[in-house]
Amino acid sequence: MKKCKKCGIEKDYGEFYKKKNSKDGRENKCKECKKEDSYRHIKICPVCKKEFKTSKIKQEHCSKSCRGINDTKKIEIKCSVCKTKIMKTPKEIERSKNHYCSNDCRSVGVKLNQSGRNNPNFKNKTLIVKCKNCSKDFVILECNLKNINGKYKKNLYCSNKCKALHQKIILRNNKNPNFRNSKKVILCSYCSKSYKKRIDKITANNYCSNECKALHQKVLLTGTNNPNYLHGLSEKIRNERRMIDGYSHWREQVFMRDSYKCQICNGDRTLNAHHLNGYNWFIEGRTDIRNGVTLCVDCHNKFHNIYGRGNNTKEQFEEYINNIKNNIIL
């Protein structure tokens, strides 16, 4: 049981709202007293003239019935044409500016309001002008003589055909916004062959074909000019990582010569280019095709597991193949 702070009556805990911060986890006031406090705004109903309490500031009526009566209650106003008194609800007054007592007054009011330029069917003055293409006289409305900016149009046409024909003459060559610049004879940067190219697409390096572009870029983008070149590495590290000129080209040539197949098991997956004479000691043959052979990863690892990595020779590889043929190594 708990005592209400306002009414002073002891009640069960279920008749008090929950509150986390309090000691017993309940409000000091009971639910009924809490509701009475929420209805703190005292107002007078405009229909029944009674006082009522509410928790909403914008509420004007004591009930829905009084609100419905007030919405349907009509107010006395005057007709916009003949000034006779008519009755309208507040919502009807808000909908439009002009109010009429009959259809006759409505038709008169519409004519007065939509006279002149206010009328959507108002027709402007017509003028006789000459077509810019065929110089033929034709009739045009005064409102169509101006652009969107309010300036007068320079060129007027009697039909769309005349407009299209005249614009072909106006938008010729450099006057056309979609005109493509003329071509110029230049030399290819790789094969020095003469060919025609648009003036707006001429750059420092120009090529007659994609083949010439690829071959020339192989020359330009090598060594330090390559965007993937790592600066700041010593020559020793570059040799250890096999970052030397022509190494990738040597690897591709070895694969092409062996038709992309392992020379031991004829496998075609995860291939490696193996140096017959070791990469670390046979410096002259690092990029020599005769010093390379195509092997798969398994065969390559088996060879190095037997003979070690580094200081390998061509004789070791020949011995390895002979052992495989004689079923000595499986």
Protein backbone atom coordinates (compact mmCIF):
# COMPACT_ATOMS: atom_id res chain seq x y z
CA MET A 1 0.00 0.00 0.00
CA LYS A 2 1.07 3.55 -0.72
CA LYS A 3 -0.35 6.96 0.22
CA CYS A 4 -1.10 9.48 -2.55
CA LYS A 5 0.60 12.83 -2.08
CA LYS A 6 -2.38 14.84 -3.41
CA CYS A 7 -5.56 13.14 -2.22
CA GLY A 8 -3.97 11.47 0.85
CA ILE A 9 -5.70 8.10 0.30
CA GLU A 10 -3.78 4.84 0.67
CA LYS A 11 -4.03 2.71 -2.46
CA ASP A 12 -2.41 -0.38 -4.00
CA TYR A 13 0.84 -0.05 -5.94
CA GLY A 14 -1.04 -0.97 -9.12
CA GLU A 15 -2.90 2.38 -9.02
CA PHE A 16 0.38 4.34 -9.27
CA TYR A 17 2.42 4.83 -12.44
CA LYS A 18 5.92 3.34 -12.60
CA LYS A 19 9.01 5.52 -12.05
CA LYS A 20 12.57 4.19 -12.13
CA ASN A 21 14.25 7.00 -10.14
CA SER A 22 11.99 6.68 -7.06
CA LYS A 23 12.83 4.37 -4.15
CA ASP A 24 9.80 2.11 -4.47
CA GLY A 25 9.66 2.44 -8.29
CA ARG A 26 6.28 4.29 -8.31
CA GLU A 27 5.00 7.88 -8.69
CA ASN A 28 3.99 9.98 -5.62
CA LYS A 29 0.52 10.71 -7.06
CA CYS A 30 -2.07 8.10 -8.03
CA LYS A 31 -3.35 7.67 -11.58
CA GLU A 32 -6.57 9.64 -10.99
CA CYS A 33 -4.75 12.64 -9.50
CA LYS A 34 -2.20 12.49 -12.32
CA LYS A 35 -4.99 12.71 -14.91
CA GLU A 36 -6.58 15.69 -13.13
CA ASP A 37 -3.24 17.53 -13.24
CA SER A 38 -2.88 16.93 -16.97
CA TYR A 39 -6.23 18.70 -17.63
CA ARG A 40 -4.79 22.08 -16.59
CA HIS A 41 -6.19 24.22 -19.47
CA ILE A 42 -9.63 25.70 -18.66
CA LYS A 43 -11.65 26.86 -21.71
CA ILE A 44 -15.22 27.84 -22.66
CA CYS A 45 -16.96 25.98 -25.48
CA PRO A 46 -18.23 28.44 -28.19
CA VAL A 47 -21.36 26.30 -28.83
CA CYS A 48 -22.75 25.27 -25.41
CA LYS A 49 -20.95 28.03 -23.44
CA LYS A 50 -19.72 25.60 -20.78
CA GLU A 51 -16.36 25.49 -19.06
CA PHE A 52 -14.23 22.40 -19.62
CA LYS A 53 -10.74 21.20 -18.81
CA THR A 54 -8.36 19.86 -21.45
CA SER A 55 -4.73 18.85 -21.84
CA LYS A 56 -4.53 20.25 -25.43
CA ILE A 57 -3.90 23.95 -26.00
CA LYS A 58 -5.52 24.05 -29.47
CA GLN A 59 -8.76 22.31 -28.44
CA GLU A 60 -11.72 24.71 -28.70
CA HIS A 61 -14.82 22.50 -28.22
CA CYS A 62 -15.80 20.40 -25.25
CA SER A 63 -16.92 17.40 -27.36
CA LYS A 64 -17.21 16.09 -30.92
CA SER A 65 -20.92 16.93 -31.08
CA CYS A 66 -20.23 20.62 -30.33
CA ARG A 67 -17.44 20.61 -32.87
CA GLY A 68 -19.78 19.17 -35.56
CA ILE A 69 -22.41 21.79 -34.78
CA ASN A 70 -19.86 24.59 -35.15
CA ASP A 71 -18.55 23.22 -38.49
CA THR A 72 -22.07 23.04 -39.97
CA LYS A 73 -23.07 26.43 -38.52
CA LYS A 74 -23.51 28.93 -41.34
CA ILE A 75 -22.30 32.54 -41.38
CA GLU A 76 -24.00 35.42 -43.13
CA ILE A 77 -22.02 36.99 -46.03
CA LYS A 78 -22.78 39.05 -49.15
CA CYS A 79 -22.87 37.91 -52.79
CA SER A 80 -19.84 39.15 -54.77
CA VAL A 81 -22.09 40.46 -57.62
CA CYS A 82 -25.52 41.58 -56.36
CA LYS A 83 -24.52 42.03 -52.66
CA THR A 84 -27.49 40.02 -51.39
CA LYS A 85 -27.09 38.19 -48.06
CA ILE A 86 -26.31 34.47 -48.24
CA MET A 87 -25.42 31.81 -45.65
CA LYS A 88 -22.14 29.82 -45.94
CA THR A 89 -20.17 27.55 -43.65
CA PRO A 90 -16.63 28.57 -42.53
CA LYS A 91 -15.06 25.86 -44.72
CA GLU A 92 -16.96 27.06 -47.81
CA ILE A 93 -15.73 30.61 -47.18
CA GLU A 94 -12.11 29.44 -46.96
CA ARG A 95 -12.30 27.52 -50.28
CA SER A 96 -12.77 30.52 -52.60
CA LYS A 97 -12.53 34.29 -52.63
CA ASN A 98 -15.80 34.96 -54.49
CA HIS A 99 -19.24 33.71 -53.42
CA TYR A 100 -22.49 33.87 -55.39
CA CYS A 101 -26.18 33.60 -54.53
CA SER A 102 -27.21 31.96 -57.85
CA ASN A 103 -25.86 30.56 -61.13
CA ASP A 104 -26.72 33.81 -62.93
CA CYS A 105 -24.52 35.79 -60.55
CA ARG A 106 -21.81 33.15 -60.92
CA SER A 107 -21.74 33.48 -64.74
CA VAL A 108 -21.56 37.28 -64.46
CA GLY A 109 -18.77 37.06 -61.88
CA VAL A 110 -16.75 34.64 -63.99
CA LYS A 111 -17.00 36.96 -66.99
CA LEU A 112 -15.80 39.90 -64.89
CA ASN A 113 -12.90 37.99 -63.30
CA GLN A 114 -11.75 36.33 -66.55
CA SER A 115 -11.92 39.38 -68.79
CA GLY A 116 -8.91 40.55 -70.74
CA ARG A 117 -5.57 38.89 -69.98
CA ASN A 118 -7.03 37.02 -66.98
CA ASN A 119 -9.08 34.89 -69.38
CA PRO A 120 -7.25 31.59 -70.23
CA ASN A 121 -8.83 31.72 -73.73
CA PHE A 122 -7.66 35.29 -74.30
CA LYS A 123 -6.28 35.77 -77.84
CA ASN A 124 -3.45 38.21 -78.44
CA LYS A 125 -3.21 40.54 -81.39
CA THR A 126 -2.22 38.94 -84.71
CA LEU A 127 0.54 40.35 -86.88
CA ILE A 128 1.66 39.70 -90.46
CA VAL A 129 5.41 38.93 -90.77
CA LYS A 130 7.76 37.48 -93.40
CA CYS A 131 9.33 34.02 -93.24
CA LYS A 132 13.12 34.16 -92.94
CA ASN A 133 13.60 31.29 -95.40
CA CYS A 134 10.98 31.63 -98.15
CA SER A 135 10.09 35.32 -97.49
CA LYS A 136 6.38 34.43 -97.50
CA ASP A 137 3.87 36.50 -95.48
CA PHE A 138 2.13 34.63 -92.65
CA VAL A 139 0.08 35.47 -89.55
CA ILE A 140 1.58 35.11 -86.04
CA LEU A 141 0.37 35.98 -82.53
CA GLU A 142 2.02 38.89 -80.77
CA CYS A 143 2.86 36.72 -77.73
CA ASN A 144 4.91 34.34 -79.94
CA LEU A 145 7.27 37.10 -81.09
CA LYS A 146 9.22 37.05 -77.82
CA ASN A 147 11.61 34.53 -76.31
CA ILE A 148 11.51 33.19 -72.77
CA ASN A 149 13.80 36.06 -71.70
CA GLY A 150 11.35 38.60 -73.15
CA LYS A 151 13.51 39.55 -76.15
CA TYR A 152 12.11 39.65 -79.69
CA LYS A 153 12.97 36.72 -81.99
CA LYS A 154 15.23 37.46 -84.95
CA ASN A 155 14.22 34.53 -87.15
CA LEU A 156 10.57 33.63 -87.77
CA TYR A 157 9.38 30.75 -89.98
CA CYS A 158 6.07 29.86 -91.57
CA SER A 159 6.62 26.10 -91.05
CA ASN A 160 9.02 23.57 -89.53
CA LYS A 161 10.40 22.71 -92.99
CA CYS A 162 11.50 26.31 -93.56
CA LYS A 163 13.06 26.37 -90.09
CA ALA A 164 15.06 23.19 -90.78
CA LEU A 165 16.27 24.40 -94.19
CA HIS A 166 17.36 27.79 -92.86
CA GLN A 167 19.16 26.33 -89.85
CA LYS A 168 21.21 24.09 -92.16
CA ILE A 169 22.59 27.26 -93.74
CA ILE A 170 23.16 29.04 -90.40
CA LEU A 171 24.71 26.08 -88.55
CA ARG A 172 27.32 25.24 -91.15
CA ASN A 173 30.97 24.61 -90.41
CA ASN A 174 32.24 26.30 -87.24
CA LYS A 175 28.87 27.94 -86.42
CA ASN A 176 27.34 24.54 -85.63
CA PRO A 177 27.83 23.65 -81.91
CA ASN A 178 28.06 19.95 -82.88
CA PHE A 179 30.58 20.60 -85.70
CA ARG A 180 33.62 18.27 -85.72
CA ASN A 181 36.91 19.98 -86.46
CA SER A 182 38.64 19.28 -89.76
CA LYS A 183 41.38 16.65 -90.06
CA LYS A 184 45.09 17.26 -90.42
CA VAL A 185 47.87 15.10 -91.90
CA ILE A 186 50.40 14.07 -89.22
CA LEU A 187 53.11 11.44 -88.70
CA CYS A 188 52.85 8.37 -86.48
CA SER A 189 55.13 8.65 -83.41
CA TYR A 190 56.35 5.04 -83.83
CA CYS A 191 56.41 4.08 -87.53
CA SER A 192 56.47 7.70 -88.89
CA LYS A 193 53.65 6.88 -91.29
CA SER A 194 51.50 9.81 -92.47
CA TYR A 195 47.76 9.69 -91.73
CA LYS A 196 44.80 12.05 -91.08
CA LYS A 197 43.55 12.88 -87.58
CA ARG A 198 41.08 15.36 -86.12
CA ILE A 199 42.70 18.58 -84.89
CA ASP A 200 40.99 18.46 -81.48
CA LYS A 201 42.36 14.93 -80.83
CA ILE A 202 46.04 15.58 -81.68
CA THR A 203 48.30 15.00 -78.63
CA ALA A 204 52.07 14.75 -77.96
CA ASN A 205 52.20 11.12 -79.14
CA ASN A 206 49.93 10.10 -82.03
CA TYR A 207 49.65 6.61 -83.52
CA CYS A 208 48.20 5.30 -86.77
CA SER A 209 47.00 2.06 -85.10
CA ASN A 210 46.72 0.36 -81.72
CA GLU A 211 49.63 -1.95 -82.61
CA CYS A 212 51.99 1.01 -83.02
CA LYS A 213 50.70 2.46 -79.74
CA ALA A 214 51.38 -0.81 -77.87
CA LEU A 215 54.88 -1.23 -79.35
CA HIS A 216 55.85 2.38 -78.62
CA GLN A 217 54.59 2.22 -75.03
CA LYS A 218 56.73 -0.86 -74.44
CA VAL A 219 59.72 1.35 -75.23
CA LEU A 220 58.52 4.41 -73.31
CA LEU A 221 57.18 2.69 -70.18
CA THR A 222 60.26 0.67 -69.27
CA GLY A 223 62.56 1.02 -66.29
CA THR A 224 62.08 4.16 -64.22
CA ASN A 225 59.36 5.47 -66.60
CA ASN A 226 57.08 2.57 -65.67
CA PRO A 227 54.31 3.72 -63.25
CA ASN A 228 54.76 0.47 -61.24
CA TYR A 229 58.52 1.04 -60.81
CA LEU A 230 59.58 0.97 -57.14
CA HIS A 231 62.14 3.70 -56.47
CA GLY A 232 64.63 3.50 -53.63
CA LEU A 233 65.51 -0.22 -53.95
CA SER A 234 69.15 -1.30 -54.29
CA GLU A 235 70.41 -3.43 -57.21
CA LYS A 236 70.99 -6.38 -54.88
CA ILE A 237 67.33 -6.42 -53.78
CA ARG A 238 66.17 -6.02 -57.40
CA ASN A 239 68.26 -9.03 -58.46
CA GLU A 240 66.97 -11.11 -55.55
CA ARG A 241 63.35 -10.25 -56.37
CA ARG A 242 64.06 -10.80 -60.10
CA MET A 243 63.05 -7.23 -60.93
CA ILE A 244 65.38 -7.02 -63.94
CA ASP A 245 64.77 -5.87 -67.51
CA GLY A 246 63.34 -8.53 -69.83
CA TYR A 247 62.50 -11.08 -67.12
CA SER A 248 58.71 -11.07 -67.67
CA HIS A 249 59.27 -11.17 -71.44
CA TRP A 250 61.62 -14.17 -71.00
CA ARG A 251 59.00 -15.97 -68.90
CA GLU A 252 56.29 -15.48 -71.56
CA GLN A 253 58.59 -16.68 -74.36
CA VAL A 254 59.43 -19.85 -72.41
CA PHE A 255 55.71 -20.62 -71.93
CA MET A 256 54.98 -19.97 -75.61
CA ARG A 257 57.82 -22.20 -76.78
CA ASP A 258 56.59 -25.08 -74.57
CA SER A 259 52.96 -24.40 -75.64
CA TYR A 260 51.95 -23.64 -72.02
CA LYS A 261 52.44 -27.21 -70.77
CA CYS A 262 54.67 -28.80 -68.15
CA GLN A 263 57.56 -30.66 -69.82
CA ILE A 264 57.35 -33.53 -67.32
CA CYS A 265 53.64 -34.25 -66.67
CA ASN A 266 52.04 -32.21 -69.54
CA GLY A 267 49.95 -30.26 -66.99
CA ASP A 268 48.64 -26.80 -67.91
CA ARG A 269 47.77 -25.31 -64.49
CA THR A 270 49.88 -22.99 -62.28
CA LEU A 271 53.00 -23.00 -64.44
CA ASN A 272 56.49 -21.79 -63.47
CA ALA A 273 59.51 -20.93 -65.64
CA HIS A 274 62.50 -22.89 -64.27
CA HIS A 275 66.14 -21.89 -64.87
CA LEU A 276 68.25 -24.89 -65.95
CA ASN A 277 71.44 -23.20 -64.76
CA GLY A 278 70.72 -21.37 -61.50
CA TYR A 279 69.51 -17.76 -61.53
CA ASN A 280 71.91 -16.76 -58.74
CA TRP A 281 75.21 -17.82 -60.40
CA PHE A 282 74.53 -17.95 -64.18
CA ILE A 283 74.02 -14.20 -64.69
CA GLU A 284 74.47 -14.26 -68.47
CA GLY A 285 71.60 -16.75 -68.97
CA ARG A 286 68.99 -15.14 -66.72
CA THR A 287 66.94 -13.94 -69.70
CA ASP A 288 68.10 -16.56 -72.24
CA ILE A 289 65.25 -18.72 -73.55
CA ARG A 290 67.59 -21.74 -73.92
CA ASN A 291 68.20 -21.60 -70.15
CA GLY A 292 64.48 -21.94 -69.29
CA VAL A 293 61.89 -24.73 -69.17
CA THR A 294 58.18 -24.82 -68.28
CA LEU A 295 57.19 -26.82 -65.19
CA CYS A 296 54.05 -27.07 -63.09
CA VAL A 297 54.18 -26.17 -59.40
CA ASP A 298 54.26 -29.78 -58.19
CA CYS A 299 57.08 -30.89 -60.52
CA HIS A 300 59.00 -27.70 -59.78
CA ASN A 301 58.78 -28.21 -56.01
CA LYS A 302 59.76 -31.92 -56.29
CA PHE A 303 62.92 -30.98 -58.21
CA HIS A 304 63.99 -28.34 -55.66
CA ASN A 305 63.17 -30.65 -52.72
CA ILE A 306 65.74 -33.14 -54.09
CA TYR A 307 68.47 -30.82 -55.44
CA GLY A 308 67.85 -27.76 -53.25
CA ARG A 309 67.21 -24.15 -54.26
CA GLY A 310 70.05 -22.19 -55.83
CA ASN A 311 73.28 -23.35 -57.50
CA ASN A 312 71.28 -25.73 -59.72
CA THR A 313 72.69 -26.95 -63.05
CA LYS A 314 71.40 -28.26 -66.35
CA GLU A 315 72.93 -31.68 -65.64
CA GLN A 316 70.84 -31.99 -62.47
CA PHE A 317 67.64 -31.42 -64.46
CA GLU A 318 68.63 -34.02 -67.08
CA GLU A 319 69.40 -36.50 -64.30
CA TYR A 320 65.99 -35.74 -62.72
CA ILE A 321 64.16 -36.49 -66.00
CA ASN A 322 66.09 -39.74 -66.55
CA ASN A 323 65.20 -40.88 -63.03
CA ILE A 324 61.52 -40.23 -63.72
CA LYS A 325 61.64 -42.17 -66.99
CA ASN A 326 63.30 -45.10 -65.24
CA ASN A 327 60.64 -44.94 -62.45
CA ILE A 328 63.28 -44.24 -59.87
CA ILE A 329 61.47 -41.03 -58.72
CA LEU A 330 57.71 -41.07 -58.45
